């Protein structure tokens, strides 16, 4: 794979995490760069590791990963989306001071994993190509780190303007991403 193909793949793999990061930033009480960098690092490391895992699974496990990856992503993203919808709906009267300062590591890790299932499937596909998996996984992880960090800070601004509506929108986005992944796989594309 050439540089342009690697960059395009890295960007494509990080877009869903970026959308989720906007909702995560909006759900926090004025997130600072430190929290944005922490969130970006968690998502970036996970998104960078999943293609390596997919690569390691390789040809032998490909039918199993491809058979279930869309269902795993759909269930995890749907669960997290419903959770965000619930929090957004029930917390409409919450003011800025009631928002948390940060998200828990485990919530971020689970969300990061849910948005990176497709990167694992890409890693399986890359196992059959003449691709440098380490540089490709590094590019995916770095791009995700950057996109998520910026998404959290963008969510900070949206949080002031949109309040809990941004969290509701983030939940809808998570459910939509999971549904699109499921639909694409069931449709064969």
C-alpha atoms as a PDB file:
ATOM      1  CA  UNK A   1       0.000   0.000   0.000  1.00  0.00           C
ATOM      2  CA  UNK A   2       1.254   3.462  -0.804  1.00  0.00           C
ATOM      3  CA  UNK A   3       1.194   6.524   1.441  1.00  0.00           C
ATOM      4  CA  UNK A   4      -2.052   7.927   0.029  1.00  0.00           C
ATOM      5  CA  UNK A   5      -3.883   4.598   0.432  1.00  0.00           C
ATOM      6  CA  UNK A   6      -2.588   4.250   3.991  1.00  0.00           C
ATOM      7  CA  UNK A   7      -3.620   7.817   4.868  1.00  0.00           C
ATOM      8  CA  UNK A   8      -7.090   7.326   3.355  1.00  0.00           C
ATOM      9  CA  UNK A   9      -7.532   4.070   5.266  1.00  0.00           C
ATOM     10  CA  UNK A  10      -6.411   5.716   8.514  1.00  0.00           C
ATOM     11  CA  UNK A  11      -8.848   8.579   7.997  1.00  0.00           C
ATOM     12  CA  UNK A  12     -11.701   6.215   7.165  1.00  0.00           C
ATOM     13  CA  UNK A  13     -11.031   4.101  10.258  1.00  0.00           C
ATOM     14  CA  UNK A  14     -11.059   7.167  12.542  1.00  0.00           C
ATOM     15  CA  UNK A  15     -14.251   8.902  11.387  1.00  0.00           C
ATOM     16  CA  UNK A  16     -16.641   6.936  13.585  1.00  0.00           C
ATOM     17  CA  UNK A  17     -14.414   7.529  16.618  1.00  0.00           C
ATOM     18  CA  UNK A  18     -14.395  11.254  15.766  1.00  0.00           C
ATOM     19  CA  UNK A  19     -18.206  11.375  15.752  1.00  0.00           C
ATOM     20  CA  UNK A  20     -18.336   9.592  19.093  1.00  0.00           C
ATOM     21  CA  UNK A  21     -15.682  11.911  20.551  1.00  0.00           C
ATOM     22  CA  UNK A  22     -17.818  14.956  19.817  1.00  0.00           C
ATOM     23  CA  UNK A  23     -20.594  13.454  21.941  1.00  0.00           C
ATOM     24  CA  UNK A  24     -18.119  12.506  24.674  1.00  0.00           C
ATOM     25  CA  UNK A  25     -16.778  16.068  24.783  1.00  0.00           C
ATOM     26  CA  UNK A  26     -20.277  17.537  24.924  1.00  0.00           C
ATOM     27  CA  UNK A  27     -21.166  15.284  27.857  1.00  0.00           C
ATOM     28  CA  UNK A  28     -18.310  16.658  29.973  1.00  0.00           C
ATOM     29  CA  UNK A  29     -18.039  19.816  32.008  1.00  0.00           C
ATOM     30  CA  UNK A  30     -15.758  21.992  29.836  1.00  0.00           C
ATOM     31  CA  UNK A  31     -13.175  19.312  28.997  1.00  0.00           C
ATOM     32  CA  UNK A  32      -9.589  20.512  29.015  1.00  0.00           C
ATOM     33  CA  UNK A  33      -6.848  19.495  26.576  1.00  0.00           C
ATOM     34  CA  UNK A  34      -5.557  16.976  29.116  1.00  0.00           C
ATOM     35  CA  UNK A  35      -8.862  15.058  29.044  1.00  0.00           C
ATOM     36  CA  UNK A  36      -9.047  15.358  25.254  1.00  0.00           C
ATOM     37  CA  UNK A  37      -5.503  13.973  24.904  1.00  0.00           C
ATOM     38  CA  UNK A  38      -6.310  11.153  27.366  1.00  0.00           C
ATOM     39  CA  UNK A  39      -9.434  10.215  25.428  1.00  0.00           C
ATOM     40  CA  UNK A  40      -7.550  10.456  22.125  1.00  0.00           C
ATOM     41  CA  UNK A  41      -4.761   8.252  23.467  1.00  0.00           C
ATOM     42  CA  UNK A  42      -7.166   5.554  24.674  1.00  0.00           C
ATOM     43  CA  UNK A  43      -9.044   5.490  21.374  1.00  0.00           C
ATOM     44  CA  UNK A  44      -5.828   5.742  19.334  1.00  0.00           C
ATOM     45  CA  UNK A  45      -4.089   2.860  21.090  1.00  0.00           C
ATOM     46  CA  UNK A  46      -7.132   0.623  20.776  1.00  0.00           C
ATOM     47  CA  UNK A  47      -7.736   1.588  17.145  1.00  0.00           C
ATOM     48  CA  UNK A  48      -4.061   1.002  16.380  1.00  0.00           C
ATOM     49  CA  UNK A  49      -3.980  -2.395  18.101  1.00  0.00           C
ATOM     50  CA  UNK A  50      -7.100  -3.885  16.544  1.00  0.00           C
ATOM     51  CA  UNK A  51      -5.656  -4.134  12.995  1.00  0.00           C
ATOM     52  CA  UNK A  52      -2.663  -5.921  14.526  1.00  0.00           C
ATOM     53  CA  UNK A  53      -5.016  -8.355  16.230  1.00  0.00           C
ATOM     54  CA  UNK A  54      -6.874  -8.853  12.962  1.00  0.00           C
ATOM     55  CA  UNK A  55      -3.577  -9.351  11.150  1.00  0.00           C
ATOM     56  CA  UNK A  56      -2.530 -11.955  13.738  1.00  0.00           C
ATOM     57  CA  UNK A  57      -5.811 -13.797  13.367  1.00  0.00           C
ATOM     58  CA  UNK A  58      -5.043 -13.922   9.671  1.00  0.00           C
ATOM     59  CA  UNK A  59      -6.455 -16.373   7.249  1.00  0.00           C
ATOM     60  CA  UNK A  60      -7.378 -19.123   9.707  1.00  0.00           C
ATOM     61  CA  UNK A  61      -9.748 -16.997  11.780  1.00  0.00           C
ATOM     62  CA  UNK A  62     -11.036 -14.726   9.010  1.00  0.00           C
ATOM     63  CA  UNK A  63     -14.387 -16.521   8.590  1.00  0.00           C
ATOM     64  CA  UNK A  64     -15.079 -16.221  12.327  1.00  0.00           C
ATOM     65  CA  UNK A  65     -14.145 -12.543  12.614  1.00  0.00           C
ATOM     66  CA  UNK A  66     -15.998 -11.596   9.445  1.00  0.00           C
ATOM     67  CA  UNK A  67     -19.024 -13.618  10.511  1.00  0.00           C
ATOM     68  CA  UNK A  68     -19.444 -11.821  13.845  1.00  0.00           C
ATOM     69  CA  UNK A  69     -17.670  -8.428  13.673  1.00  0.00           C
ATOM     70  CA  UNK A  70     -20.758  -6.550  12.501  1.00  0.00           C
ATOM     71  CA  UNK A  71     -22.933  -8.065  15.239  1.00  0.00           C
ATOM     72  CA  UNK A  72     -20.376  -7.250  17.940  1.00  0.00           C
ATOM     73  CA  UNK A  73     -20.073  -3.658  16.716  1.00  0.00           C
ATOM     74  CA  UNK A  74     -23.864  -3.304  16.411  1.00  0.00           C
ATOM     75  CA  UNK A  75     -24.548  -4.572  19.952  1.00  0.00           C
ATOM     76  CA  UNK A  76     -21.766  -2.559  21.614  1.00  0.00           C
ATOM     77  CA  UNK A  77     -22.505   0.672  19.754  1.00  0.00           C
ATOM     78  CA  UNK A  78     -26.252   0.205  20.242  1.00  0.00           C
ATOM     79  CA  UNK A  79     -25.812  -0.342  23.979  1.00  0.00           C
ATOM     80  CA  UNK A  80     -23.567   2.692  24.351  1.00  0.00           C
ATOM     81  CA  UNK A  81     -25.878   4.789  22.154  1.00  0.00           C
ATOM     82  CA  UNK A  82     -28.924   3.854  24.206  1.00  0.00           C
ATOM     83  CA  UNK A  83     -26.986   4.699  27.360  1.00  0.00           C
ATOM     84  CA  UNK A  84     -26.130   8.142  25.954  1.00  0.00           C
ATOM     85  CA  UNK A  85     -29.750   8.674  24.900  1.00  0.00           C
ATOM     86  CA  UNK A  86     -30.944   7.752  28.377  1.00  0.00           C
ATOM     87  CA  UNK A  87     -28.456  10.102  30.033  1.00  0.00           C
ATOM     88  CA  UNK A  88     -29.297  12.884  27.594  1.00  0.00           C
ATOM     89  CA  UNK A  89     -33.022  12.435  28.013  1.00  0.00           C
ATOM     90  CA  UNK A  90     -33.075  12.112  31.803  1.00  0.00           C
ATOM     91  CA  UNK A  91     -30.499  14.814  32.433  1.00  0.00           C
ATOM     92  CA  UNK A  92     -32.095  17.724  30.538  1.00  0.00           C
ATOM     93  CA  UNK A  93     -32.327  19.855  33.677  1.00  0.00           C
ATOM     94  CA  UNK A  94     -28.665  19.283  34.530  1.00  0.00           C
ATOM     95  CA  UNK A  95     -26.513  22.398  34.477  1.00  0.00           C
ATOM     96  CA  UNK A  96     -22.873  22.650  33.411  1.00  0.00           C
ATOM     97  CA  UNK A  97     -21.609  22.128  36.982  1.00  0.00           C
ATOM     98  CA  UNK A  98     -23.351  18.731  37.243  1.00  0.00           C
ATOM     99  CA  UNK A  99     -21.480  17.236  34.265  1.00  0.00           C
ATOM    100  CA  UNK A 100     -18.517  14.978  35.023  1.00  0.00           C
ATOM    101  CA  UNK A 101     -14.968  16.267  34.593  1.00  0.00           C
ATOM    102  CA  UNK A 102     -13.911  13.081  32.798  1.00  0.00           C
ATOM    103  CA  UNK A 103     -15.184   9.741  31.589  1.00  0.00           C
ATOM    104  CA  UNK A 104     -14.044   6.517  33.197  1.00  0.00           C
ATOM    105  CA  UNK A 105     -11.222   4.627  31.540  1.00  0.00           C
ATOM    106  CA  UNK A 106     -13.421   1.550  31.086  1.00  0.00           C
ATOM    107  CA  UNK A 107     -16.237   3.476  29.419  1.00  0.00           C
ATOM    108  CA  UNK A 108     -13.754   5.056  27.014  1.00  0.00           C
ATOM    109  CA  UNK A 109     -12.023   1.726  26.371  1.00  0.00           C
ATOM    110  CA  UNK A 110     -15.321  -0.042  25.662  1.00  0.00           C
ATOM    111  CA  UNK A 111     -16.415   2.766  23.347  1.00  0.00           C
ATOM    112  CA  UNK A 112     -13.018   2.749  21.646  1.00  0.00           C
ATOM    113  CA  UNK A 113     -13.214  -0.990  21.139  1.00  0.00           C
ATOM    114  CA  UNK A 114     -16.738  -0.774  19.765  1.00  0.00           C
ATOM    115  CA  UNK A 115     -15.688   1.803  17.188  1.00  0.00           C
ATOM    116  CA  UNK A 116     -12.594  -0.210  16.217  1.00  0.00           C
ATOM    117  CA  UNK A 117     -14.162  -3.556  15.324  1.00  0.00           C
ATOM    118  CA  UNK A 118     -14.031  -2.553  11.657  1.00  0.00           C
ATOM    119  CA  UNK A 119     -10.278  -1.905  11.999  1.00  0.00           C
ATOM    120  CA  UNK A 120      -9.840  -5.497  13.180  1.00  0.00           C
ATOM    121  CA  UNK A 121     -11.612  -6.720  10.069  1.00  0.00           C
ATOM    122  CA  UNK A 122      -9.376  -4.456   7.983  1.00  0.00           C
ATOM    123  CA  UNK A 123      -6.363  -6.046   9.680  1.00  0.00           C
ATOM    124  CA  UNK A 124      -7.604  -9.465   8.609  1.00  0.00           C
ATOM    125  CA  UNK A 125      -7.906  -8.176   5.054  1.00  0.00           C
ATOM    126  CA  UNK A 126      -4.429  -6.652   5.180  1.00  0.00           C
ATOM    127  CA  UNK A 127      -3.037 -10.060   6.114  1.00  0.00           C
ATOM    128  CA  UNK A 128      -3.758 -11.125   2.541  1.00  0.00           C
ATOM    129  CA  UNK A 129      -2.200  -8.060   0.923  1.00  0.00           C
ATOM    130  CA  UNK A 130       1.318  -6.829   0.534  1.00  0.00           C
ATOM    131  CA  UNK A 131       0.932  -4.211   3.272  1.00  0.00           C
ATOM    132  CA  UNK A 132       3.231  -3.143   6.069  1.00  0.00           C
ATOM    133  CA  UNK A 133       0.899  -3.847   8.979  1.00  0.00           C
ATOM    134  CA  UNK A 134       2.983  -1.961  11.555  1.00  0.00           C
ATOM    135  CA  UNK A 135       3.029   1.321   9.641  1.00  0.00           C
ATOM    136  CA  UNK A 136      -0.625   0.930   8.642  1.00  0.00           C
ATOM    137  CA  UNK A 137      -1.733   0.206  12.227  1.00  0.00           C
ATOM    138  CA  UNK A 138       0.425   3.100  13.449  1.00  0.00           C
ATOM    139  CA  UNK A 139      -1.185   5.443  10.932  1.00  0.00           C
ATOM    140  CA  UNK A 140      -4.671   4.307  11.963  1.00  0.00           C
ATOM    141  CA  UNK A 141      -3.854   4.772  15.653  1.00  0.00           C
ATOM    142  CA  UNK A 142      -2.257   8.192  15.142  1.00  0.00           C
ATOM    143  CA  UNK A 143      -5.080   9.479  12.959  1.00  0.00           C
ATOM    144  CA  UNK A 144      -7.646   8.258  15.496  1.00  0.00           C
ATOM    145  CA  UNK A 145      -5.703   9.914  18.325  1.00  0.00           C
ATOM    146  CA  UNK A 146      -5.743  13.239  16.473  1.00  0.00           C
ATOM    147  CA  UNK A 147      -9.381  13.013  15.372  1.00  0.00           C
ATOM    148  CA  UNK A 148     -10.678  11.990  18.815  1.00  0.00           C
ATOM    149  CA  UNK A 149      -8.655  14.662  20.606  1.00  0.00           C
ATOM    150  CA  UNK A 150     -10.050  17.321  18.292  1.00  0.00           C
ATOM    151  CA  UNK A 151     -13.538  15.777  18.515  1.00  0.00           C
ATOM    152  CA  UNK A 152     -13.595  16.062  22.303  1.00  0.00           C
ATOM    153  CA  UNK A 153     -12.605  19.713  22.100  1.00  0.00           C
ATOM    154  CA  UNK A 154     -15.159  20.349  19.356  1.00  0.00           C
ATOM    155  CA  UNK A 155     -17.734  18.661  21.583  1.00  0.00           C
ATOM    156  CA  UNK A 156     -16.777  21.089  24.327  1.00  0.00           C
ATOM    157  CA  UNK A 157     -17.959  23.951  22.142  1.00  0.00           C
ATOM    158  CA  UNK A 158     -21.037  22.093  21.018  1.00  0.00           C
ATOM    159  CA  UNK A 159     -21.826  21.237  24.624  1.00  0.00           C
ATOM    160  CA  UNK A 160     -22.160  24.923  25.464  1.00  0.00           C
ATOM    161  CA  UNK A 161     -24.403  25.584  22.490  1.00  0.00           C
ATOM    162  CA  UNK A 162     -26.460  22.420  22.369  1.00  0.00           C
ATOM    163  CA  UNK A 163     -26.362  21.182  25.949  1.00  0.00           C
ATOM    164  CA  UNK A 164     -27.865  17.718  26.403  1.00  0.00           C
ATOM    165  CA  UNK A 165     -29.049  17.717  22.792  1.00  0.00           C
ATOM    166  CA  UNK A 166     -25.450  17.017  21.822  1.00  0.00           C
ATOM    167  CA  UNK A 167     -25.433  13.926  24.033  1.00  0.00           C
ATOM    168  CA  UNK A 168     -28.713  12.793  22.498  1.00  0.00           C
ATOM    169  CA  UNK A 169     -27.211  13.350  19.051  1.00  0.00           C
ATOM    170  CA  UNK A 170     -24.107  11.408  20.095  1.00  0.00           C
ATOM    171  CA  UNK A 171     -26.296   8.479  21.142  1.00  0.00           C
ATOM    172  CA  UNK A 172     -28.142   8.592  17.835  1.00  0.00           C
ATOM    173  CA  UNK A 173     -24.794   8.686  15.986  1.00  0.00           C
ATOM    174  CA  UNK A 174     -23.551   5.606  17.874  1.00  0.00           C
ATOM    175  CA  UNK A 175     -26.716   3.678  17.084  1.00  0.00           C
ATOM    176  CA  UNK A 176     -26.582   4.842  13.457  1.00  0.00           C
ATOM    177  CA  UNK A 177     -22.940   3.772  13.078  1.00  0.00           C
ATOM    178  CA  UNK A 178     -23.721   0.344  14.542  1.00  0.00           C
ATOM    179  CA  UNK A 179     -26.754   0.015  12.286  1.00  0.00           C
ATOM    180  CA  UNK A 180     -24.762   1.047   9.195  1.00  0.00           C
ATOM    181  CA  UNK A 181     -22.057  -1.507   9.993  1.00  0.00           C
ATOM    182  CA  UNK A 182     -24.688  -4.202  10.410  1.00  0.00           C
ATOM    183  CA  UNK A 183     -26.540  -3.206   7.226  1.00  0.00           C
ATOM    184  CA  UNK A 184     -23.343  -3.093   5.151  1.00  0.00           C
ATOM    185  CA  UNK A 185     -22.296  -6.556   6.281  1.00  0.00           C
ATOM    186  CA  UNK A 186     -25.734  -8.088   5.849  1.00  0.00           C
ATOM    187  CA  UNK A 187     -26.018  -6.539   2.380  1.00  0.00           C
ATOM    188  CA  UNK A 188     -22.660  -8.034   1.470  1.00  0.00           C
ATOM    189  CA  UNK A 189     -20.791  -4.754   1.017  1.00  0.00           C
END
